[in-house]
Amino acid sequence: MAAIPSFRKNLWPRHCLPSARELVHNIVISSKTPLSTKDIYNLALKQTAIQLVSDESGPQHNVPKKEHPSIVRGITRQPSTRPPHPEHAIRSLQYLKRVVLPDLVNSKKVEKFCTKRTLSQAEIDHRLQTVTKAARKEQAVLLATPRNTWLWRMTTPPPPPKPLPASSLSKSELLGLPRLTAADVGVGEDWSHLNKRRQRARKEKVERDLKWMWTLQAAKREAAREALRLSAPASVHSQ
């Protein structure tokens, strides 16, 4: 059975055109305040420098000619619906919402966020046009209250990394050595119960022990640093 001819499935590009991406990105960048999807769409249509879709852009960018219903083997085939602005980079609100903006989100150029917003009087009046006179007063009060609104803005850069807290470890501990203090050899102890001769002897002993402890710790730190220096090339080669 022969295949039934059909209309082209992709009359309009389903991907984000570079011209559409650049146009929307520039609109969001130049705006001092966040924008709604409709705001971006309206601004895009007002741009005088919109790149028109032409035959020179390539076959996938061509604007299809208006098609009419056709009958194929007794079946009437309806043509695809043309977008409201086929000659514009942003050909429709749905194309902006479902293709262009998601593409910019994926490339981390824009982001969508929710905020409280009060409708302008013009927006309220526009919405009240579809409300009956009996319910208009009540709806006007509801529409005047702040409501959740999704807006678009440039992607917020991540905050700078927090500085790492200063290590409370001593140089010896950082090298894997036990932390020693002057108190470990008796500095600061109460010797008042000793006579003067024993106090002098204890002081001299503590001074000798303290000096020896610092000398020993310095030697151990130097040995630990040397061991780390020698092991560094080996670890690099092992990787």
C-alpha atoms as a PDB file:
ATOM      1  CA  MET A   1       0.000   0.000   0.000  1.00  0.00           C
ATOM      2  CA  ALA A   2       1.471   3.320  -1.054  1.00  0.00           C
ATOM      3  CA  ALA A   3       2.132   5.902   1.628  1.00  0.00           C
ATOM      4  CA  ILE A   4      -0.373   8.723   1.754  1.00  0.00           C
ATOM      5  CA  PRO A   5       1.249  12.083   1.074  1.00  0.00           C
ATOM      6  CA  SER A   6       0.982  14.448   3.990  1.00  0.00           C
ATOM      7  CA  PHE A   7       1.799  18.018   4.804  1.00  0.00           C
ATOM      8  CA  ARG A   8       5.249  18.685   6.065  1.00  0.00           C
ATOM      9  CA  LYS A   9       5.356  17.980   9.752  1.00  0.00           C
ATOM     10  CA  ASN A  10       7.842  20.731  10.499  1.00  0.00           C
ATOM     11  CA  LEU A  11       6.529  23.747   8.647  1.00  0.00           C
ATOM     12  CA  TRP A  12       8.066  25.890  11.370  1.00  0.00           C
ATOM     13  CA  PRO A  13      11.415  25.249  13.075  1.00  0.00           C
ATOM     14  CA  ARG A  14      10.909  23.437  16.363  1.00  0.00           C
ATOM     15  CA  HIS A  15      14.344  24.456  17.651  1.00  0.00           C
ATOM     16  CA  CYS A  16      15.527  27.828  18.946  1.00  0.00           C
ATOM     17  CA  LEU A  17      16.794  29.981  16.097  1.00  0.00           C
ATOM     18  CA  PRO A  18      19.955  32.007  16.819  1.00  0.00           C
ATOM     19  CA  SER A  19      18.149  35.226  15.917  1.00  0.00           C
ATOM     20  CA  ALA A  20      15.362  34.458  18.409  1.00  0.00           C
ATOM     21  CA  ARG A  21      17.836  33.523  21.127  1.00  0.00           C
ATOM     22  CA  GLU A  22      19.860  36.718  20.674  1.00  0.00           C
ATOM     23  CA  LEU A  23      16.773  38.938  20.514  1.00  0.00           C
ATOM     24  CA  VAL A  24      15.224  37.622  23.731  1.00  0.00           C
ATOM     25  CA  HIS A  25      18.562  37.601  25.533  1.00  0.00           C
ATOM     26  CA  ASN A  26      19.164  41.261  24.646  1.00  0.00           C
ATOM     27  CA  ILE A  27      15.652  42.205  25.797  1.00  0.00           C
ATOM     28  CA  VAL A  28      16.180  40.616  29.214  1.00  0.00           C
ATOM     29  CA  ILE A  29      19.659  42.161  29.555  1.00  0.00           C
ATOM     30  CA  SER A  30      18.483  45.676  28.699  1.00  0.00           C
ATOM     31  CA  SER A  31      15.504  45.606  31.064  1.00  0.00           C
ATOM     32  CA  LYS A  32      16.059  47.198  34.467  1.00  0.00           C
ATOM     33  CA  THR A  33      13.230  45.157  35.968  1.00  0.00           C
ATOM     34  CA  PRO A  34      12.189  41.498  35.600  1.00  0.00           C
ATOM     35  CA  LEU A  35       9.803  40.768  32.739  1.00  0.00           C
ATOM     36  CA  SER A  36       6.858  38.457  32.251  1.00  0.00           C
ATOM     37  CA  THR A  37       6.653  36.202  29.224  1.00  0.00           C
ATOM     38  CA  LYS A  38       4.076  38.501  27.628  1.00  0.00           C
ATOM     39  CA  ASP A  39       6.272  41.525  28.320  1.00  0.00           C
ATOM     40  CA  ILE A  40       9.168  39.890  26.469  1.00  0.00           C
ATOM     41  CA  TYR A  41       6.887  38.904  23.589  1.00  0.00           C
ATOM     42  CA  ASN A  42       5.464  42.412  23.204  1.00  0.00           C
ATOM     43  CA  LEU A  43       8.919  43.989  23.366  1.00  0.00           C
ATOM     44  CA  ALA A  44      10.212  41.540  20.768  1.00  0.00           C
ATOM     45  CA  LEU A  45       7.447  42.525  18.344  1.00  0.00           C
ATOM     46  CA  LYS A  46       8.195  46.209  18.867  1.00  0.00           C
ATOM     47  CA  GLN A  47      11.884  45.819  18.103  1.00  0.00           C
ATOM     48  CA  THR A  48      12.732  47.528  14.828  1.00  0.00           C
ATOM     49  CA  ALA A  49      15.838  45.418  14.332  1.00  0.00           C
ATOM     50  CA  ILE A  50      14.075  42.063  14.299  1.00  0.00           C
ATOM     51  CA  GLN A  51      15.774  39.742  11.846  1.00  0.00           C
ATOM     52  CA  LEU A  52      13.222  38.725   9.256  1.00  0.00           C
ATOM     53  CA  VAL A  53      13.052  35.118   8.217  1.00  0.00           C
ATOM     54  CA  SER A  54      14.056  34.946   4.558  1.00  0.00           C
ATOM     55  CA  ASP A  55      14.931  32.402   1.882  1.00  0.00           C
ATOM     56  CA  GLU A  56      18.608  33.293   2.311  1.00  0.00           C
ATOM     57  CA  SER A  57      18.602  31.954   5.869  1.00  0.00           C
ATOM     58  CA  GLY A  58      18.464  28.353   4.690  1.00  0.00           C
ATOM     59  CA  PRO A  59      15.648  25.956   3.817  1.00  0.00           C
ATOM     60  CA  GLN A  60      14.748  25.237   7.430  1.00  0.00           C
ATOM     61  CA  HIS A  61      14.182  28.974   8.068  1.00  0.00           C
ATOM     62  CA  ASN A  62      11.932  29.617   5.099  1.00  0.00           C
ATOM     63  CA  VAL A  63       8.470  30.978   5.746  1.00  0.00           C
ATOM     64  CA  PRO A  64       6.063  28.399   4.296  1.00  0.00           C
ATOM     65  CA  LYS A  65       3.508  29.692   1.889  1.00  0.00           C
ATOM     66  CA  LYS A  66      -0.068  29.747   3.015  1.00  0.00           C
ATOM     67  CA  GLU A  67      -1.602  26.390   2.385  1.00  0.00           C
ATOM     68  CA  HIS A  68      -5.197  25.401   1.742  1.00  0.00           C
ATOM     69  CA  PRO A  69      -7.126  22.263   2.647  1.00  0.00           C
ATOM     70  CA  SER A  70      -6.556  19.433   0.224  1.00  0.00           C
ATOM     71  CA  ILE A  71      -8.286  16.138  -0.405  1.00  0.00           C
ATOM     72  CA  VAL A  72      -6.115  13.025  -0.417  1.00  0.00           C
ATOM     73  CA  ARG A  73      -7.939   9.789  -1.286  1.00  0.00           C
ATOM     74  CA  GLY A  74     -11.225  11.251  -0.209  1.00  0.00           C
ATOM     75  CA  ILE A  75      -9.827  12.590   3.113  1.00  0.00           C
ATOM     76  CA  THR A  76      -9.733  16.328   3.675  1.00  0.00           C
ATOM     77  CA  ARG A  77      -6.392  17.362   5.175  1.00  0.00           C
ATOM     78  CA  GLN A  78      -6.283  20.672   6.989  1.00  0.00           C
ATOM     79  CA  PRO A  79      -3.079  22.715   6.709  1.00  0.00           C
ATOM     80  CA  SER A  80      -0.996  23.559   9.737  1.00  0.00           C
ATOM     81  CA  THR A  81      -1.946  26.723  11.540  1.00  0.00           C
ATOM     82  CA  ARG A  82       0.296  29.651  10.665  1.00  0.00           C
ATOM     83  CA  PRO A  83       1.752  31.591  13.626  1.00  0.00           C
ATOM     84  CA  PRO A  84       0.552  35.184  14.097  1.00  0.00           C
ATOM     85  CA  HIS A  85       3.922  36.647  13.059  1.00  0.00           C
ATOM     86  CA  PRO A  86       5.606  34.182  10.697  1.00  0.00           C
ATOM     87  CA  GLU A  87       8.107  36.775   9.466  1.00  0.00           C
ATOM     88  CA  HIS A  88       9.477  37.558  12.932  1.00  0.00           C
ATOM     89  CA  ALA A  89      12.201  35.727  14.825  1.00  0.00           C
ATOM     90  CA  ILE A  90       9.656  35.339  17.664  1.00  0.00           C
ATOM     91  CA  ARG A  91       6.795  34.076  15.536  1.00  0.00           C
ATOM     92  CA  SER A  92       4.376  33.342  18.389  1.00  0.00           C
ATOM     93  CA  LEU A  93       3.941  33.502  22.141  1.00  0.00           C
ATOM     94  CA  GLN A  94       3.997  29.702  22.357  1.00  0.00           C
ATOM     95  CA  TYR A  95       7.293  29.559  20.465  1.00  0.00           C
ATOM     96  CA  LEU A  96       8.778  32.028  22.954  1.00  0.00           C
ATOM     97  CA  LYS A  97       7.372  30.174  25.961  1.00  0.00           C
ATOM     98  CA  ARG A  98       8.092  26.587  24.915  1.00  0.00           C
ATOM     99  CA  VAL A  99      11.262  26.891  22.834  1.00  0.00           C
ATOM    100  CA  VAL A 100      13.237  30.125  23.183  1.00  0.00           C
ATOM    101  CA  LEU A 101      13.038  30.745  26.922  1.00  0.00           C
ATOM    102  CA  PRO A 102      13.741  27.088  27.868  1.00  0.00           C
ATOM    103  CA  ASP A 103      16.786  27.226  25.582  1.00  0.00           C
ATOM    104  CA  LEU A 104      18.098  30.293  27.440  1.00  0.00           C
ATOM    105  CA  VAL A 105      17.433  28.578  30.770  1.00  0.00           C
ATOM    106  CA  ASN A 106      19.431  25.519  29.669  1.00  0.00           C
ATOM    107  CA  SER A 107      22.340  27.751  28.705  1.00  0.00           C
ATOM    108  CA  LYS A 108      22.058  29.479  32.118  1.00  0.00           C
ATOM    109  CA  LYS A 109      21.534  32.931  30.603  1.00  0.00           C
ATOM    110  CA  VAL A 110      18.117  33.650  32.130  1.00  0.00           C
ATOM    111  CA  GLU A 111      16.122  32.300  35.040  1.00  0.00           C
ATOM    112  CA  LYS A 112      12.471  32.200  36.034  1.00  0.00           C
ATOM    113  CA  PHE A 113      11.409  33.126  39.547  1.00  0.00           C
ATOM    114  CA  CYS A 114       8.189  33.662  41.450  1.00  0.00           C
ATOM    115  CA  THR A 115       7.367  36.943  43.186  1.00  0.00           C
ATOM    116  CA  LYS A 116       4.403  38.884  44.530  1.00  0.00           C
ATOM    117  CA  ARG A 117       3.083  41.467  42.094  1.00  0.00           C
ATOM    118  CA  THR A 118       0.118  43.826  41.973  1.00  0.00           C
ATOM    119  CA  LEU A 119      -1.609  44.186  38.621  1.00  0.00           C
ATOM    120  CA  SER A 120      -1.687  47.600  37.021  1.00  0.00           C
ATOM    121  CA  GLN A 121      -5.018  49.357  36.574  1.00  0.00           C
ATOM    122  CA  ALA A 122      -4.861  48.705  32.828  1.00  0.00           C
ATOM    123  CA  GLU A 123      -4.394  44.975  33.437  1.00  0.00           C
ATOM    124  CA  ILE A 124      -7.268  44.941  35.929  1.00  0.00           C
ATOM    125  CA  ASP A 125      -9.561  46.734  33.493  1.00  0.00           C
ATOM    126  CA  HIS A 126      -8.635  44.305  30.734  1.00  0.00           C
ATOM    127  CA  ARG A 127      -9.480  41.283  32.882  1.00  0.00           C
ATOM    128  CA  LEU A 128     -12.745  42.801  34.088  1.00  0.00           C
ATOM    129  CA  GLN A 129     -13.976  43.002  30.503  1.00  0.00           C
ATOM    130  CA  THR A 130     -14.766  39.288  30.577  1.00  0.00           C
ATOM    131  CA  VAL A 131     -16.572  39.488  33.945  1.00  0.00           C
ATOM    132  CA  THR A 132     -20.285  40.137  34.339  1.00  0.00           C
ATOM    133  CA  LYS A 133     -21.332  43.431  35.877  1.00  0.00           C
ATOM    134  CA  ALA A 134     -22.709  41.652  38.934  1.00  0.00           C
ATOM    135  CA  ALA A 135     -19.355  40.063  39.756  1.00  0.00           C
ATOM    136  CA  ARG A 136     -17.162  42.941  38.569  1.00  0.00           C
ATOM    137  CA  LYS A 137     -16.911  44.715  41.930  1.00  0.00           C
ATOM    138  CA  GLU A 138     -15.890  41.576  43.785  1.00  0.00           C
ATOM    139  CA  GLN A 139     -13.392  40.597  41.084  1.00  0.00           C
ATOM    140  CA  ALA A 140     -11.887  44.089  41.090  1.00  0.00           C
ATOM    141  CA  VAL A 141     -11.051  43.708  44.792  1.00  0.00           C
ATOM    142  CA  LEU A 142      -9.503  40.280  44.207  1.00  0.00           C
ATOM    143  CA  LEU A 143      -7.462  41.465  41.249  1.00  0.00           C
ATOM    144  CA  ALA A 144      -6.100  44.421  43.234  1.00  0.00           C
ATOM    145  CA  THR A 145      -4.443  42.143  45.815  1.00  0.00           C
ATOM    146  CA  PRO A 146      -0.830  41.044  45.248  1.00  0.00           C
ATOM    147  CA  ARG A 147      -0.549  37.655  43.587  1.00  0.00           C
ATOM    148  CA  ASN A 148       2.164  35.188  42.699  1.00  0.00           C
ATOM    149  CA  THR A 149       3.688  36.026  39.333  1.00  0.00           C
ATOM    150  CA  TRP A 150       6.414  34.267  37.369  1.00  0.00           C
ATOM    151  CA  LEU A 151       8.978  36.653  35.877  1.00  0.00           C
ATOM    152  CA  TRP A 152      12.218  36.385  33.931  1.00  0.00           C
ATOM    153  CA  ARG A 153      15.576  37.936  34.719  1.00  0.00           C
ATOM    154  CA  MET A 154      19.258  37.418  34.050  1.00  0.00           C
ATOM    155  CA  THR A 155      20.699  34.415  35.814  1.00  0.00           C
ATOM    156  CA  THR A 156      21.890  35.388  39.278  1.00  0.00           C
ATOM    157  CA  PRO A 157      25.622  34.665  39.563  1.00  0.00           C
ATOM    158  CA  PRO A 158      26.494  32.207  42.327  1.00  0.00           C
ATOM    159  CA  PRO A 159      27.759  33.793  45.542  1.00  0.00           C
ATOM    160  CA  PRO A 160      31.535  33.835  45.974  1.00  0.00           C
ATOM    161  CA  PRO A 161      32.843  30.888  47.971  1.00  0.00           C
ATOM    162  CA  LYS A 162      33.119  31.553  51.665  1.00  0.00           C
ATOM    163  CA  PRO A 163      36.696  31.819  52.900  1.00  0.00           C
ATOM    164  CA  LEU A 164      37.778  28.734  54.739  1.00  0.00           C
ATOM    165  CA  PRO A 165      37.968  29.253  58.500  1.00  0.00           C
ATOM    166  CA  ALA A 166      41.459  29.636  59.845  1.00  0.00           C
ATOM    167  CA  SER A 167      42.716  26.313  61.072  1.00  0.00           C
ATOM    168  CA  SER A 168      42.922  25.990  64.831  1.00  0.00           C
ATOM    169  CA  LEU A 169      45.659  23.394  64.449  1.00  0.00           C
ATOM    170  CA  SER A 170      49.209  24.238  65.328  1.00  0.00           C
ATOM    171  CA  LYS A 171      52.073  23.768  62.889  1.00  0.00           C
ATOM    172  CA  SER A 172      52.976  20.533  64.649  1.00  0.00           C
ATOM    173  CA  GLU A 173      49.425  19.156  64.394  1.00  0.00           C
ATOM    174  CA  LEU A 174      49.234  20.066  60.696  1.00  0.00           C
ATOM    175  CA  LEU A 175      52.313  17.876  60.192  1.00  0.00           C
ATOM    176  CA  GLY A 176      50.849  15.044  62.239  1.00  0.00           C
ATOM    177  CA  LEU A 177      52.846  15.765  65.389  1.00  0.00           C
ATOM    178  CA  PRO A 178      51.332  16.003  68.891  1.00  0.00           C
ATOM    179  CA  ARG A 179      50.586  19.495  70.139  1.00  0.00           C
ATOM    180  CA  LEU A 180      52.840  20.503  73.022  1.00  0.00           C
ATOM    181  CA  THR A 181      52.705  23.641  75.152  1.00  0.00           C
ATOM    182  CA  ALA A 182      54.898  25.200  77.784  1.00  0.00           C
ATOM    183  CA  ALA A 183      52.536  23.903  80.440  1.00  0.00           C
ATOM    184  CA  ASP A 184      53.562  20.357  79.506  1.00  0.00           C
ATOM    185  CA  VAL A 185      56.972  20.887  81.092  1.00  0.00           C
ATOM    186  CA  GLY A 186      55.696  22.709  84.173  1.00  0.00           C
ATOM    187  CA  VAL A 187      55.503  26.367  83.144  1.00  0.00           C
ATOM    188  CA  GLY A 188      52.891  28.165  85.234  1.00  0.00           C
ATOM    189  CA  GLU A 189      52.730  25.628  88.048  1.00  0.00           C
ATOM    190  CA  ASP A 190      52.394  26.760  91.637  1.00  0.00           C
ATOM    191  CA  TRP A 191      55.682  26.269  93.524  1.00  0.00           C
ATOM    192  CA  SER A 192      54.823  28.327  96.559  1.00  0.00           C
ATOM    193  CA  HIS A 193      54.883  25.242  98.767  1.00  0.00           C
ATOM    194  CA  LEU A 194      58.587  24.755  97.993  1.00  0.00           C
ATOM    195  CA  ASN A 195      61.383  26.565  99.751  1.00  0.00           C
ATOM    196  CA  LYS A 196      63.460  29.097  97.843  1.00  0.00           C
ATOM    197  CA  ARG A 197      66.270  26.637  97.006  1.00  0.00           C
ATOM    198  CA  ARG A 198      63.835  24.080  95.581  1.00  0.00           C
ATOM    199  CA  GLN A 199      61.957  26.820  93.689  1.00  0.00           C
ATOM    200  CA  ARG A 200      65.206  27.960  92.023  1.00  0.00           C
ATOM    201  CA  ALA A 201      66.052  24.373  91.130  1.00  0.00           C
ATOM    202  CA  ARG A 202      62.585  23.710  89.748  1.00  0.00           C
ATOM    203  CA  LYS A 203      62.711  26.905  87.656  1.00  0.00           C
ATOM    204  CA  GLU A 204      66.102  25.988  86.172  1.00  0.00           C
ATOM    205  CA  LYS A 205      64.856  22.480  85.340  1.00  0.00           C
ATOM    206  CA  VAL A 206      61.707  23.801  83.665  1.00  0.00           C
ATOM    207  CA  GLU A 207      63.719  26.258  81.572  1.00  0.00           C
ATOM    208  CA  ARG A 208      66.022  23.437  80.416  1.00  0.00           C
ATOM    209  CA  ASP A 209      63.067  21.161  79.630  1.00  0.00           C
ATOM    210  CA  LEU A 210      61.249  23.953  77.769  1.00  0.00           C
ATOM    211  CA  LYS A 211      64.281  24.745  75.647  1.00  0.00           C
ATOM    212  CA  TRP A 212      64.807  21.081  74.875  1.00  0.00           C
ATOM    213  CA  MET A 213      61.110  20.618  73.982  1.00  0.00           C
ATOM    214  CA  TRP A 214      61.176  23.486  71.456  1.00  0.00           C
ATOM    215  CA  THR A 215      64.398  22.192  69.922  1.00  0.00           C
ATOM    216  CA  LEU A 216      62.990  18.676  69.654  1.00  0.00           C
ATOM    217  CA  GLN A 217      59.695  19.892  68.152  1.00  0.00           C
ATOM    218  CA  ALA A 218      61.544  22.006  65.564  1.00  0.00           C
ATOM    219  CA  ALA A 219      63.625  18.985  64.551  1.00  0.00           C
ATOM    220  CA  LYS A 220      60.501  16.793  64.253  1.00  0.00           C
ATOM    221  CA  ARG A 221      58.697  19.412  62.151  1.00  0.00           C
ATOM    222  CA  GLU A 222      61.655  19.700  59.793  1.00  0.00           C
ATOM    223  CA  ALA A 223      61.808  15.906  59.455  1.00  0.00           C
ATOM    224  CA  ALA A 224      58.050  15.753  58.752  1.00  0.00           C
ATOM    225  CA  ARG A 225      58.311  18.472  56.073  1.00  0.00           C
ATOM    226  CA  GLU A 226      61.188  16.621  54.408  1.00  0.00           C
ATOM    227  CA  ALA A 227      59.201  13.375  54.420  1.00  0.00           C
ATOM    228  CA  LEU A 228      56.226  15.132  52.806  1.00  0.00           C
ATOM    229  CA  ARG A 229      58.472  16.726  50.182  1.00  0.00           C
ATOM    230  CA  LEU A 230      60.029  13.396  49.262  1.00  0.00           C
ATOM    231  CA  SER A 231      56.688  11.583  49.127  1.00  0.00           C
ATOM    232  CA  ALA A 232      55.010  14.220  46.913  1.00  0.00           C
ATOM    233  CA  PRO A 233      56.730  13.241  43.585  1.00  0.00           C
ATOM    234  CA  ALA A 234      56.109   9.564  44.301  1.00  0.00           C
ATOM    235  CA  SER A 235      52.386  10.161  44.828  1.00  0.00           C
ATOM    236  CA  VAL A 236      52.176  12.183  41.588  1.00  0.00           C
ATOM    237  CA  HIS A 237      53.844   9.400  39.572  1.00  0.00           C
ATOM    238  CA  SER A 238      51.622   6.752  41.178  1.00  0.00           C
ATOM    239  CA  GLN A 239      48.535   8.588  39.864  1.00  0.00           C
END
